[in-house]
């Protein structure tokens, strides 16, 4: 009813999430940002917060019990784990840039 919580906490780190799944999750986030025309503020926010990505992900861990009531817990947990790693934050920034600016310039 409230999402797929099976094996939720078997994900210990970003390496436990397959690359295809990482691309899918971060791609959906990038798509939402671009669709809402928030590319520039999102890129600025992500670039400025990249050094604090681990702290931000720990805040997401702390909020997990409250979020479980509203969202799919497994996806939320995967996003939390992915955002611990600065490489994934950089990947998200590049994906936003590709979807927003790459399509206009012909860059793929």
Protein backbone atom coordinates (compact mmCIF):
# COMPACT_ATOMS: atom_id res chain seq x y z
CA UNK A 1 0.00 0.00 0.00
CA UNK A 2 2.69 2.51 0.97
CA UNK A 3 5.40 1.33 -1.39
CA UNK A 4 7.87 -1.48 -1.76
CA UNK A 5 9.70 -1.74 1.56
CA UNK A 6 11.07 -5.25 0.94
CA UNK A 7 14.83 -5.28 1.27
CA UNK A 8 14.76 -1.51 1.76
CA UNK A 9 17.75 -1.36 4.04
CA UNK A 10 19.86 -3.83 2.05
CA UNK A 11 21.06 -0.82 0.06
CA UNK A 12 24.13 0.32 1.97
CA UNK A 13 25.76 2.50 -0.65
CA UNK A 14 25.58 3.83 -4.18
CA UNK A 15 27.50 0.78 -5.39
CA UNK A 16 24.50 -1.40 -4.40
CA UNK A 17 22.33 0.35 -7.00
CA UNK A 18 22.82 -0.82 -10.60
CA UNK A 19 24.00 1.85 -13.04
CA UNK A 20 20.84 1.49 -15.14
CA UNK A 21 18.68 2.15 -12.07
CA UNK A 22 20.87 5.15 -11.12
CA UNK A 23 20.46 6.59 -14.60
CA UNK A 24 16.70 6.04 -14.45
CA UNK A 25 16.27 7.72 -11.04
CA UNK A 26 18.52 10.69 -11.70
CA UNK A 27 17.06 11.03 -15.20
CA UNK A 28 13.54 11.34 -13.78
CA UNK A 29 14.71 13.99 -11.32
CA UNK A 30 16.47 15.90 -14.11
CA UNK A 31 13.38 15.63 -16.32
CA UNK A 32 11.14 17.07 -13.61
CA UNK A 33 13.55 19.95 -13.02
CA UNK A 34 13.72 20.78 -16.74
CA UNK A 35 9.95 20.42 -17.21
CA UNK A 36 9.35 22.88 -14.39
CA UNK A 37 11.90 25.30 -15.90
CA UNK A 38 14.07 25.23 -12.79
CA UNK A 39 17.31 24.26 -14.51
CA UNK A 40 19.39 27.32 -13.65
CA UNK A 41 18.37 27.50 -9.95
CA UNK A 42 18.76 23.72 -9.57
CA UNK A 43 22.23 23.72 -11.13
CA UNK A 44 23.31 26.65 -8.95
CA UNK A 45 21.92 24.94 -5.84
CA UNK A 46 23.50 21.57 -6.63
CA UNK A 47 26.89 23.12 -7.46
CA UNK A 48 26.93 25.13 -4.23
CA UNK A 49 25.78 22.21 -2.10
CA UNK A 50 28.01 19.55 -3.68
CA UNK A 51 30.56 19.71 -0.83
CA UNK A 52 27.73 19.13 1.65
CA UNK A 53 26.04 16.32 -0.28
CA UNK A 54 26.75 13.75 2.44
CA UNK A 55 25.22 15.95 5.15
CA UNK A 56 22.16 16.55 2.97
CA UNK A 57 21.72 12.83 2.41
CA UNK A 58 21.92 12.26 6.17
CA UNK A 59 19.11 14.79 6.63
CA UNK A 60 17.12 12.71 4.16
CA UNK A 61 17.84 9.62 6.27
CA UNK A 62 16.54 11.45 9.32
CA UNK A 63 13.34 12.41 7.45
CA UNK A 64 12.80 8.87 6.14
CA UNK A 65 10.14 7.82 8.72
CA UNK A 66 7.98 10.82 7.82
CA UNK A 67 8.45 10.40 4.09
CA UNK A 68 7.49 6.72 4.19
CA UNK A 69 3.91 7.74 4.80
CA UNK A 70 3.73 9.74 1.55
CA UNK A 71 6.14 8.26 -0.98
CA UNK A 72 7.59 5.02 -2.29
CA UNK A 73 10.17 4.30 0.39
CA UNK A 74 12.52 2.27 -1.78
CA UNK A 75 12.90 5.03 -4.37
CA UNK A 76 13.37 7.64 -1.64
CA UNK A 77 16.04 5.46 -0.02
CA UNK A 78 17.80 4.98 -3.37
CA UNK A 79 17.85 8.76 -3.95
CA UNK A 80 19.19 9.26 -0.42
CA UNK A 81 22.03 6.80 -1.01
CA UNK A 82 22.79 8.18 -4.49
CA UNK A 83 23.08 11.76 -3.27
CA UNK A 84 25.71 10.76 -0.69
CA UNK A 85 28.23 10.49 -3.51
CA UNK A 86 29.41 13.72 -5.17
CA UNK A 87 29.89 11.88 -8.46
CA UNK A 88 26.15 11.26 -8.61
CA UNK A 89 25.42 14.90 -7.82
CA UNK A 90 27.72 15.86 -10.71
CA UNK A 91 25.95 13.31 -12.93
CA UNK A 92 22.61 14.90 -12.03
CA UNK A 93 23.94 18.37 -12.91
CA UNK A 94 25.23 17.10 -16.25
CA UNK A 95 21.92 15.37 -16.97
CA UNK A 96 20.00 18.59 -16.27
CA UNK A 97 22.36 20.52 -18.55
CA UNK A 98 22.06 17.90 -21.28
CA UNK A 99 18.27 17.85 -21.16
CA UNK A 100 17.91 21.61 -20.96
CA UNK A 101 20.74 23.10 -22.97
CA UNK A 102 21.88 20.15 -25.07
CA UNK A 103 18.59 19.85 -26.91
CA UNK A 104 18.69 23.49 -27.95
CA UNK A 105 22.27 23.34 -29.21
CA UNK A 106 22.06 19.87 -30.74
CA UNK A 107 24.48 18.36 -28.22
CA UNK A 108 23.54 14.85 -27.11
